[in-house]
C-alpha atoms as a PDB file:
ATOM      1  CA  MET A   1      36.837  -5.906   1.923  1.00  0.00           C
ATOM      2  CA  SER A   2      39.897  -7.481   0.651  1.00  0.00           C
ATOM      3  CA  ASN A   3      39.837 -10.885  -1.188  1.00  0.00           C
ATOM      4  CA  ASN A   4      42.375 -12.322   1.415  1.00  0.00           C
ATOM      5  CA  ASN A   5      40.111 -12.209   4.203  1.00  0.00           C
ATOM      6  CA  PRO A   6      37.406 -14.816   4.435  1.00  0.00           C
ATOM      7  CA  ALA A   7      35.133 -12.883   7.068  1.00  0.00           C
ATOM      8  CA  PRO A   8      32.940  -9.803   6.015  1.00  0.00           C
ATOM      9  CA  GLU A   9      34.011  -6.665   7.511  1.00  0.00           C
ATOM     10  CA  PRO A  10      31.213  -5.299  10.001  1.00  0.00           C
ATOM     11  CA  HIS A  11      30.115  -1.810   9.321  1.00  0.00           C
ATOM     12  CA  ALA A  12      28.923   0.713  11.984  1.00  0.00           C
ATOM     13  CA  ALA A  13      25.926  -0.303  12.856  1.00  0.00           C
ATOM     14  CA  GLY A  14      26.631  -4.038  13.493  1.00  0.00           C
ATOM     15  CA  THR A  15      25.735  -5.443  10.325  1.00  0.00           C
ATOM     16  CA  TYR A  16      27.810  -7.084   7.496  1.00  0.00           C
ATOM     17  CA  SER A  17      28.294  -6.073   4.027  1.00  0.00           C
ATOM     18  CA  THR A  18      28.388  -8.732   1.219  1.00  0.00           C
ATOM     19  CA  ASP A  19      29.650  -8.403  -2.176  1.00  0.00           C
ATOM     20  CA  ILE A  20      25.952  -9.230  -3.923  1.00  0.00           C
ATOM     21  CA  PRO A  21      24.037  -6.132  -4.212  1.00  0.00           C
ATOM     22  CA  THR A  22      20.225  -6.348  -3.280  1.00  0.00           C
ATOM     23  CA  ALA A  23      17.236  -5.131  -4.458  1.00  0.00           C
ATOM     24  CA  ALA A  24      17.016  -3.035  -1.514  1.00  0.00           C
ATOM     25  CA  ALA A  25      20.348  -1.270  -2.518  1.00  0.00           C
ATOM     26  CA  THR A  26      19.831  -0.803  -5.939  1.00  0.00           C
ATOM     27  CA  ASP A  27      16.182   0.818  -5.657  1.00  0.00           C
ATOM     28  CA  LEU A  28      16.974   4.638  -5.473  1.00  0.00           C
ATOM     29  CA  ALA A  29      13.419   5.469  -6.197  1.00  0.00           C
ATOM     30  CA  GLY A  30      12.650   5.507  -2.420  1.00  0.00           C
ATOM     31  CA  PRO A  31       9.377   4.078  -0.406  1.00  0.00           C
ATOM     32  CA  ALA A  32       6.886   2.792  -2.758  1.00  0.00           C
ATOM     33  CA  PRO A  33       3.344   4.682  -2.036  1.00  0.00           C
ATOM     34  CA  ALA A  34       0.458   3.008  -0.517  1.00  0.00           C
ATOM     35  CA  ARG A  35      -1.735   0.653  -2.848  1.00  0.00           C
ATOM     36  CA  VAL A  36      -5.481   1.933  -3.620  1.00  0.00           C
ATOM     37  CA  GLY A  37      -6.500  -1.832  -2.378  1.00  0.00           C
ATOM     38  CA  THR A  38      -4.895  -1.121   1.217  1.00  0.00           C
ATOM     39  CA  VAL A  39      -6.264   2.336   1.624  1.00  0.00           C
ATOM     40  CA  VAL A  40      -9.873   1.091   0.603  1.00  0.00           C
ATOM     41  CA  TRP A  41      -9.453  -2.051   2.847  1.00  0.00           C
ATOM     42  CA  GLY A  42      -8.354   0.234   5.460  1.00  0.00           C
ATOM     43  CA  LEU A  43     -11.266   2.528   5.202  1.00  0.00           C
ATOM     44  CA  ILE A  44     -13.668   0.061   5.124  1.00  0.00           C
ATOM     45  CA  VAL A  45     -12.449  -1.598   8.597  1.00  0.00           C
ATOM     46  CA  LEU A  46     -12.574   2.053   9.979  1.00  0.00           C
ATOM     47  CA  ALA A  47     -16.085   2.414   9.155  1.00  0.00           C
ATOM     48  CA  LEU A  48     -17.061  -0.789  10.206  1.00  0.00           C
ATOM     49  CA  ALA A  49     -15.501   0.016  13.403  1.00  0.00           C
ATOM     50  CA  ALA A  50     -17.519   3.519  13.620  1.00  0.00           C
ATOM     51  CA  LEU A  51     -20.613   1.933  12.626  1.00  0.00           C
ATOM     52  CA  ILE A  52     -20.605  -0.678  15.353  1.00  0.00           C
ATOM     53  CA  ILE A  53     -19.898   1.936  18.228  1.00  0.00           C
ATOM     54  CA  VAL A  54     -22.758   4.084  16.960  1.00  0.00           C
ATOM     55  CA  ALA A  55     -25.075   1.172  17.293  1.00  0.00           C
ATOM     56  CA  GLN A  56     -23.684   0.081  20.541  1.00  0.00           C
ATOM     57  CA  LEU A  57     -23.859   3.371  21.716  1.00  0.00           C
ATOM     58  CA  GLY A  58     -28.054   3.548  20.585  1.00  0.00           C
ATOM     59  CA  PHE A  59     -27.496   6.902  18.715  1.00  0.00           C
ATOM     60  CA  VAL A  60     -29.008   4.944  15.820  1.00  0.00           C
ATOM     61  CA  THR A  61     -30.616   1.622  14.706  1.00  0.00           C
ATOM     62  CA  LEU A  62     -28.643   0.197  11.772  1.00  0.00           C
ATOM     63  CA  ASN A  63     -29.913  -2.449   9.221  1.00  0.00           C
ATOM     64  CA  GLY A  64     -26.942  -4.973   8.424  1.00  0.00           C
ATOM     65  CA  THR A  65     -28.015  -5.347   4.761  1.00  0.00           C
ATOM     66  CA  TYR A  66     -28.048  -1.799   3.943  1.00  0.00           C
ATOM     67  CA  VAL A  67     -24.905  -1.119   6.062  1.00  0.00           C
ATOM     68  CA  LEU A  68     -23.237  -4.127   3.674  1.00  0.00           C
ATOM     69  CA  ILE A  69     -24.569  -2.410   0.650  1.00  0.00           C
ATOM     70  CA  GLY A  70     -23.516   0.978   1.221  1.00  0.00           C
ATOM     71  CA  LEU A  71     -19.617  -0.070   1.994  1.00  0.00           C
ATOM     72  CA  MET A  72     -19.845  -2.130  -1.141  1.00  0.00           C
ATOM     73  CA  ILE A  73     -21.017   0.703  -3.194  1.00  0.00           C
ATOM     74  CA  GLY A  74     -18.347   2.982  -1.623  1.00  0.00           C
ATOM     75  CA  ALA A  75     -15.434   0.393  -1.546  1.00  0.00           C
ATOM     76  CA  GLY A  76     -16.239  -0.201  -5.246  1.00  0.00           C
ATOM     77  CA  ALA A  77     -16.343   3.237  -6.533  1.00  0.00           C
ATOM     78  CA  ALA A  78     -13.120   3.956  -4.174  1.00  0.00           C
ATOM     79  CA  LEU A  79     -11.251   1.249  -6.059  1.00  0.00           C
ATOM     80  CA  VAL A  80     -12.368   2.561  -9.506  1.00  0.00           C
ATOM     81  CA  VAL A  81     -11.250   5.823  -8.923  1.00  0.00           C
ATOM     82  CA  GLY A  82      -8.129   4.891  -7.448  1.00  0.00           C
ATOM     83  CA  GLY A  83      -7.321   2.654 -10.310  1.00  0.00           C
ATOM     84  CA  VAL A  84      -7.824   5.458 -12.672  1.00  0.00           C
ATOM     85  CA  LEU A  85      -5.948   8.127 -10.993  1.00  0.00           C
ATOM     86  CA  SER A  86      -3.059   5.667 -10.441  1.00  0.00           C
ATOM     87  CA  ALA A  87      -3.214   4.714 -14.145  1.00  0.00           C
ATOM     88  CA  ARG A  88      -3.131   8.355 -15.207  1.00  0.00           C
ATOM     89  CA  LYS A  89      -0.333   9.111 -13.158  1.00  0.00           C
ATOM     90  CA  ARG A  90       1.506   6.281 -14.439  1.00  0.00           C
ATOM     91  CA  ASP A  91       0.785   6.949 -17.734  1.00  0.00           C
ATOM     92  CA  ASN A  92       2.759  10.473 -18.406  1.00  0.00           C
ATOM     93  CA  GLU A  93       5.863   8.852 -20.108  1.00  0.00           C
ATOM     94  CA  PRO A  94       5.885   9.516 -23.960  1.00  0.00           C
ATOM     95  CA  THR A  95       5.256   6.454 -26.062  1.00  0.00           C
ATOM     96  CA  THR A  96       7.836   5.251 -28.802  1.00  0.00           C
ATOM     97  CA  GLY A  97       5.342   3.658 -30.884  1.00  0.00           C
ATOM     98  CA  LYS A  98       6.765   0.473 -30.475  1.00  0.00           C
ATOM     99  CA  SER A  99       4.756  -2.303 -28.542  1.00  0.00           C
END
């Protein structure tokens, strides 16, 4: 793009470029991995849906209190384990001794 042309030039995809780099353009690390909390909440929703379906089909009678206690214990354990594994993966860089 020349300095004499006030309008930006279109790219092949029909989008226009600017001279200001964005965070997405400068990020070369690729897509971020899924967060542990997102995965755990997704599993909770899937588990609740499966339990509701099983209860509606009449295969088993569920006690709501026990179901919630079990889901909370499982979710808490998954969050703690996922956080520990995530922290271990991030802490592989050598330290410089400076704080």
